[in-house]
Amino acid sequence: MYLDITEDLKEKFEDYTKDSVVVLDLDDGVGRYTKAGFCSLDISFRFLVLREDQDRSDYKIPIESNVGEILVKDHSVMHLDQKMKLEFDKQRGLTKLNGTSGLIDGNVQIIDLRDQK
């Protein structure tokens, strides 16, 4: 799998990946950092920024990207495509995750959890 992060988002991700770990989290009710479950038909992904010492044992599958490796939960790959693109929609103010099959998530958030214990 490969994730292409567009230039307007790339700088932000490069700042995070210098001294932190970035994971692409499917907010599905499984794992330490989840807030929701699959109560609806919506697929909700979000990027979590973690310190090196924070638990990331749920995230075992690496995705290559143009800012380095990003980890995902093994069961979340079923919702992803082999080639994906993360881009900022300036008109709507949203970060979108697209794949070869179309839109995967139209509002992906980036959440910095490095200050949590």
N, C-alpha and C. Protein backbone atom coordinates (compact mmCIF):
# COMPACT_ATOMS: atom_id res chain seq x y z
N MET A 1 0.84 -1.19 0.00
CA MET A 1 0.00 0.00 0.00
C MET A 1 0.88 1.24 0.00
N TYR A 2 0.36 2.28 -0.64
CA TYR A 2 1.09 3.54 -0.68
C TYR A 2 0.11 4.71 -0.54
N LEU A 3 0.51 5.67 0.29
CA LEU A 3 -0.28 6.89 0.52
C LEU A 3 0.52 8.08 0.05
N ASP A 4 -0.03 8.80 -0.92
CA ASP A 4 0.58 10.03 -1.41
C ASP A 4 -0.08 11.19 -0.67
N ILE A 5 0.73 11.93 0.06
CA ILE A 5 0.22 13.09 0.79
C ILE A 5 0.59 14.32 -0.02
N THR A 6 -0.42 15.12 -0.39
CA THR A 6 -0.19 16.27 -1.25
C THR A 6 0.70 17.30 -0.56
N GLU A 7 1.31 18.16 -1.37
CA GLU A 7 2.29 19.13 -0.88
C GLU A 7 1.74 20.03 0.22
N ASP A 8 0.47 20.44 0.13
CA ASP A 8 -0.08 21.35 1.13
C ASP A 8 -0.24 20.69 2.51
N LEU A 9 -0.26 19.37 2.58
CA LEU A 9 -0.32 18.65 3.86
C LEU A 9 1.02 18.03 4.24
N LYS A 10 1.88 17.88 3.28
CA LYS A 10 3.15 17.18 3.48
C LYS A 10 4.01 17.83 4.56
N GLU A 11 4.10 19.14 4.57
CA GLU A 11 4.93 19.83 5.55
C GLU A 11 4.46 19.55 6.98
N LYS A 12 3.15 19.54 7.18
CA LYS A 12 2.59 19.25 8.51
C LYS A 12 2.98 17.84 8.96
N PHE A 13 2.86 16.88 8.06
CA PHE A 13 3.20 15.50 8.39
C PHE A 13 4.69 15.32 8.63
N GLU A 14 5.51 16.02 7.86
CA GLU A 14 6.95 15.91 8.07
C GLU A 14 7.34 16.43 9.44
N ASP A 15 6.66 17.47 9.93
CA ASP A 15 6.92 17.96 11.29
C ASP A 15 6.59 16.89 12.32
N TYR A 16 5.49 16.18 12.12
CA TYR A 16 5.08 15.14 13.06
C TYR A 16 6.00 13.93 13.02
N THR A 17 6.46 13.55 11.85
CA THR A 17 7.23 12.31 11.73
C THR A 17 8.69 12.46 12.14
N LYS A 18 9.14 13.67 12.43
CA LYS A 18 10.53 13.88 12.86
C LYS A 18 10.82 13.19 14.19
N ASP A 19 9.94 13.37 15.17
CA ASP A 19 10.18 12.83 16.50
C ASP A 19 8.97 12.09 17.07
N SER A 20 8.05 11.69 16.22
CA SER A 20 6.81 11.05 16.66
C SER A 20 6.45 9.91 15.71
N VAL A 21 5.39 9.21 16.07
CA VAL A 21 4.86 8.12 15.24
C VAL A 21 3.46 8.54 14.79
N VAL A 22 3.19 8.36 13.51
CA VAL A 22 1.86 8.67 12.97
C VAL A 22 1.18 7.37 12.60
N VAL A 23 -0.06 7.21 13.07
CA VAL A 23 -0.86 6.04 12.73
C VAL A 23 -2.15 6.51 12.05
N LEU A 24 -2.64 5.71 11.13
CA LEU A 24 -3.93 5.96 10.50
C LEU A 24 -4.93 5.07 11.22
N ASP A 25 -5.77 5.68 12.03
CA ASP A 25 -6.67 4.95 12.91
C ASP A 25 -8.07 4.87 12.32
N LEU A 26 -8.59 3.67 12.21
CA LEU A 26 -9.99 3.46 11.89
C LEU A 26 -10.73 3.53 13.22
N ASP A 27 -11.54 4.56 13.40
CA ASP A 27 -12.25 4.76 14.67
C ASP A 27 -13.44 3.81 14.71
N ASP A 28 -13.14 2.57 15.12
CA ASP A 28 -14.13 1.49 15.02
C ASP A 28 -14.50 0.85 16.35
N GLY A 29 -14.10 1.46 17.45
CA GLY A 29 -14.42 0.89 18.75
C GLY A 29 -13.39 -0.12 19.22
N VAL A 30 -12.34 -0.36 18.46
CA VAL A 30 -11.31 -1.33 18.81
C VAL A 30 -10.01 -0.57 19.08
N GLY A 31 -9.46 -0.77 20.27
CA GLY A 31 -8.16 -0.19 20.58
C GLY A 31 -8.19 0.90 21.61
N ARG A 32 -7.03 1.23 22.06
CA ARG A 32 -6.83 2.18 23.15
C ARG A 32 -7.30 3.60 22.83
N TYR A 33 -7.17 4.05 21.62
CA TYR A 33 -7.43 5.45 21.27
C TYR A 33 -8.78 5.69 20.61
N THR A 34 -9.59 4.69 20.50
CA THR A 34 -10.86 4.82 19.80
C THR A 34 -11.88 5.56 20.65
N LYS A 35 -12.75 6.28 19.98
CA LYS A 35 -13.82 7.01 20.66
C LYS A 35 -15.19 6.48 20.28
N ALA A 36 -15.30 5.88 19.11
CA ALA A 36 -16.61 5.48 18.58
C ALA A 36 -16.56 4.03 18.16
N GLY A 37 -17.71 3.53 17.81
CA GLY A 37 -17.79 2.19 17.26
C GLY A 37 -18.44 2.26 15.90
N PHE A 38 -18.55 1.12 15.26
CA PHE A 38 -19.20 1.06 13.96
C PHE A 38 -20.71 1.01 14.15
N CYS A 39 -21.26 2.12 14.64
CA CYS A 39 -22.71 2.21 14.85
C CYS A 39 -23.42 2.62 13.57
N SER A 40 -22.66 3.22 12.67
CA SER A 40 -23.27 3.69 11.44
C SER A 40 -22.55 3.05 10.26
N LEU A 41 -22.99 3.41 9.09
CA LEU A 41 -22.37 2.88 7.89
C LEU A 41 -21.15 3.69 7.46
N ASP A 42 -20.90 4.80 8.15
CA ASP A 42 -19.77 5.66 7.81
C ASP A 42 -18.46 5.02 8.24
N ILE A 43 -17.45 5.21 7.42
CA ILE A 43 -16.10 4.79 7.77
C ILE A 43 -15.37 6.05 8.20
N SER A 44 -14.80 6.02 9.39
CA SER A 44 -14.16 7.20 9.94
C SER A 44 -12.70 6.90 10.24
N PHE A 45 -11.81 7.50 9.45
CA PHE A 45 -10.39 7.40 9.68
C PHE A 45 -9.88 8.70 10.27
N ARG A 46 -8.80 8.61 11.02
CA ARG A 46 -8.14 9.80 11.54
C ARG A 46 -6.67 9.47 11.74
N PHE A 47 -5.85 10.47 11.60
CA PHE A 47 -4.43 10.30 11.86
C PHE A 47 -4.17 10.67 13.31
N LEU A 48 -3.46 9.80 14.00
CA LEU A 48 -3.09 10.06 15.39
C LEU A 48 -1.58 10.24 15.44
N VAL A 49 -1.16 11.27 16.14
CA VAL A 49 0.27 11.53 16.33
C VAL A 49 0.61 11.10 17.76
N LEU A 50 1.54 10.14 17.86
CA LEU A 50 1.90 9.55 19.16
C LEU A 50 3.38 9.77 19.44
N ARG A 51 3.72 9.81 20.72
CA ARG A 51 5.12 9.79 21.11
C ARG A 51 5.68 8.41 20.84
N GLU A 52 6.98 8.31 20.74
CA GLU A 52 7.64 7.02 20.52
C GLU A 52 7.30 6.01 21.61
N ASP A 53 7.08 6.48 22.85
CA ASP A 53 6.84 5.57 23.96
C ASP A 53 5.36 5.26 24.20
N GLN A 54 4.46 5.82 23.41
CA GLN A 54 3.03 5.53 23.58
C GLN A 54 2.68 4.21 22.91
N ASP A 55 1.69 3.53 23.49
CA ASP A 55 1.26 2.22 23.00
C ASP A 55 0.71 2.33 21.57
N ARG A 56 1.28 1.55 20.70
CA ARG A 56 0.76 1.46 19.32
C ARG A 56 0.66 0.00 18.90
N SER A 57 0.43 -0.87 19.87
CA SER A 57 0.41 -2.31 19.60
C SER A 57 -0.77 -2.73 18.70
N ASP A 58 -1.80 -1.91 18.59
CA ASP A 58 -2.93 -2.23 17.72
C ASP A 58 -2.60 -1.98 16.24
N TYR A 59 -1.54 -1.23 15.98
CA TYR A 59 -1.20 -0.79 14.64
C TYR A 59 0.02 -1.57 14.15
N LYS A 60 -0.22 -2.61 13.38
CA LYS A 60 0.84 -3.54 13.00
C LYS A 60 1.18 -3.53 11.51
N ILE A 61 0.30 -2.98 10.70
CA ILE A 61 0.50 -3.02 9.25
C ILE A 61 1.08 -1.68 8.78
N PRO A 62 2.25 -1.72 8.13
CA PRO A 62 2.84 -0.48 7.64
C PRO A 62 2.29 -0.08 6.26
N ILE A 63 2.08 1.20 6.10
CA ILE A 63 1.74 1.78 4.80
C ILE A 63 2.88 2.72 4.46
N GLU A 64 3.42 2.58 3.27
CA GLU A 64 4.47 3.49 2.83
C GLU A 64 3.82 4.79 2.37
N SER A 65 4.52 5.89 2.57
CA SER A 65 4.03 7.19 2.11
C SER A 65 5.21 8.07 1.74
N ASN A 66 4.92 9.21 1.19
CA ASN A 66 5.98 10.14 0.83
C ASN A 66 6.49 10.96 2.01
N VAL A 67 6.02 10.64 3.23
CA VAL A 67 6.56 11.25 4.45
C VAL A 67 7.07 10.17 5.41
N GLY A 68 7.14 8.93 4.96
CA GLY A 68 7.60 7.84 5.80
C GLY A 68 6.50 6.83 6.07
N GLU A 69 6.83 5.88 6.92
CA GLU A 69 5.91 4.79 7.23
C GLU A 69 4.79 5.26 8.16
N ILE A 70 3.56 4.83 7.85
CA ILE A 70 2.39 5.09 8.67
C ILE A 70 1.77 3.74 8.99
N LEU A 71 1.43 3.52 10.24
CA LEU A 71 0.90 2.22 10.68
C LEU A 71 -0.63 2.24 10.74
N VAL A 72 -1.24 1.07 10.48
CA VAL A 72 -2.70 0.91 10.58
C VAL A 72 -3.02 -0.40 11.30
N LYS A 73 -4.24 -0.52 11.78
CA LYS A 73 -4.72 -1.77 12.36
C LYS A 73 -4.86 -2.80 11.24
N ASP A 74 -4.57 -4.05 11.54
CA ASP A 74 -4.62 -5.08 10.50
C ASP A 74 -6.00 -5.23 9.88
N HIS A 75 -7.06 -5.11 10.66
CA HIS A 75 -8.40 -5.30 10.10
C HIS A 75 -8.92 -4.07 9.35
N SER A 76 -8.22 -2.94 9.44
CA SER A 76 -8.70 -1.75 8.74
C SER A 76 -8.26 -1.70 7.27
N VAL A 77 -7.31 -2.56 6.88
CA VAL A 77 -6.85 -2.54 5.49
C VAL A 77 -7.95 -2.91 4.50
N MET A 78 -8.98 -3.59 4.96
CA MET A 78 -10.09 -3.95 4.07
C MET A 78 -10.82 -2.71 3.54
N HIS A 79 -10.67 -1.58 4.21
CA HIS A 79 -11.33 -0.34 3.79
C HIS A 79 -10.40 0.56 2.97
N LEU A 80 -9.16 0.14 2.80
CA LEU A 80 -8.17 0.96 2.11
C LEU A 80 -7.85 0.38 0.74
N ASP A 81 -7.24 1.20 -0.11
CA ASP A 81 -6.83 0.77 -1.45
C ASP A 81 -5.32 0.66 -1.51
N GLN A 82 -4.82 -0.01 -2.51
CA GLN A 82 -3.38 -0.15 -2.67
C GLN A 82 -2.70 1.20 -2.93
N LYS A 83 -3.37 2.08 -3.64
CA LYS A 83 -2.86 3.43 -3.89
C LYS A 83 -3.89 4.43 -3.37
N MET A 84 -3.41 5.33 -2.50
CA MET A 84 -4.30 6.32 -1.91
C MET A 84 -3.66 7.70 -1.97
N LYS A 85 -4.51 8.70 -1.79
CA LYS A 85 -4.04 10.08 -1.80
C LYS A 85 -4.75 10.86 -0.69
N LEU A 86 -3.98 11.59 0.08
CA LEU A 86 -4.53 12.47 1.11
C LEU A 86 -4.38 13.90 0.61
N GLU A 87 -5.50 14.61 0.53
CA GLU A 87 -5.47 15.96 0.01
C GLU A 87 -6.39 16.88 0.78
N PHE A 88 -6.04 18.16 0.78
CA PHE A 88 -6.83 19.16 1.46
C PHE A 88 -7.77 19.83 0.47
N ASP A 89 -9.06 19.80 0.78
CA ASP A 89 -10.08 20.46 -0.04
C ASP A 89 -10.24 21.87 0.51
N LYS A 90 -9.60 22.84 -0.13
CA LYS A 90 -9.61 24.22 0.36
C LYS A 90 -11.01 24.82 0.38
N GLN A 91 -11.82 24.47 -0.59
CA GLN A 91 -13.16 25.02 -0.70
C GLN A 91 -14.02 24.62 0.52
N ARG A 92 -13.88 23.39 0.96
CA ARG A 92 -14.69 22.90 2.08
C ARG A 92 -13.93 22.86 3.40
N GLY A 93 -12.61 23.04 3.35
CA GLY A 93 -11.81 23.02 4.58
C GLY A 93 -11.69 21.63 5.17
N LEU A 94 -11.67 20.60 4.32
CA LEU A 94 -11.64 19.22 4.77
C LEU A 94 -10.42 18.49 4.21
N THR A 95 -9.91 17.54 4.98
CA THR A 95 -8.85 16.67 4.51
C THR A 95 -9.50 15.37 4.05
N LYS A 96 -9.25 15.01 2.79
CA LYS A 96 -9.91 13.86 2.19
C LYS A 96 -8.93 12.74 1.89
N LEU A 97 -9.36 11.52 2.16
CA LEU A 97 -8.59 10.33 1.83
C LEU A 97 -9.28 9.65 0.66
N ASN A 98 -8.57 9.63 -0.48
CA ASN A 98 -9.11 9.01 -1.69
C ASN A 98 -8.28 7.79 -2.07
N GLY A 99 -8.94 6.85 -2.71
CA GLY A 99 -8.26 5.67 -3.22
C GLY A 99 -8.61 5.48 -4.67
N THR A 100 -8.10 4.42 -5.26
CA THR A 100 -8.41 4.14 -6.66
C THR A 100 -9.89 3.80 -6.84
N SER A 101 -10.55 3.37 -5.77
CA SER A 101 -11.97 3.05 -5.85
C SER A 101 -12.86 4.27 -5.59
N GLY A 102 -12.27 5.41 -5.21
CA GLY A 102 -13.04 6.62 -4.93
C GLY A 102 -12.75 7.15 -3.54
N LEU A 103 -13.68 7.94 -3.03
CA LEU A 103 -13.53 8.56 -1.72
C LEU A 103 -13.62 7.51 -0.62
N ILE A 104 -12.59 7.47 0.24
CA ILE A 104 -12.60 6.56 1.39
C ILE A 104 -13.16 7.27 2.61
N ASP A 105 -12.69 8.49 2.87
CA ASP A 105 -13.18 9.29 3.99
C ASP A 105 -13.06 10.76 3.60
N GLY A 106 -14.15 11.48 3.69
CA GLY A 106 -14.20 12.88 3.27
C GLY A 106 -13.84 13.89 4.33
N ASN A 107 -13.52 13.43 5.54
CA ASN A 107 -13.17 14.36 6.62
C ASN A 107 -12.22 13.67 7.60
N VAL A 108 -10.98 13.52 7.20
CA VAL A 108 -9.98 12.86 8.04
C VAL A 108 -9.32 13.92 8.93
N GLN A 109 -9.35 13.68 10.22
CA GLN A 109 -8.74 14.63 11.15
C GLN A 109 -7.34 14.17 11.55
N ILE A 110 -6.53 15.12 11.95
CA ILE A 110 -5.20 14.84 12.49
C ILE A 110 -5.24 15.24 13.96
N ILE A 111 -5.02 14.25 14.82
CA ILE A 111 -5.15 14.47 16.26
C ILE A 111 -3.81 14.19 16.93
N ASP A 112 -3.32 15.18 17.63
CA ASP A 112 -2.04 15.08 18.33
C ASP A 112 -2.29 14.57 19.75
N LEU A 113 -1.85 13.35 20.03
CA LEU A 113 -2.05 12.73 21.34
C LEU A 113 -0.77 12.65 22.15
N ARG A 114 0.25 13.37 21.76
CA ARG A 114 1.54 13.26 22.43
C ARG A 114 1.52 13.76 23.87
N ASP A 115 0.54 14.58 24.24
CA ASP A 115 0.49 15.07 25.62
C ASP A 115 -0.31 14.15 26.55
N GLN A 116 -0.87 13.07 26.03
CA GLN A 116 -1.61 12.12 26.87
C GLN A 116 -0.67 11.13 27.52
N LYS A 117 -1.07 10.62 28.68
CA LYS A 117 -0.24 9.62 29.39
C LYS A 117 -0.49 8.23 28.91
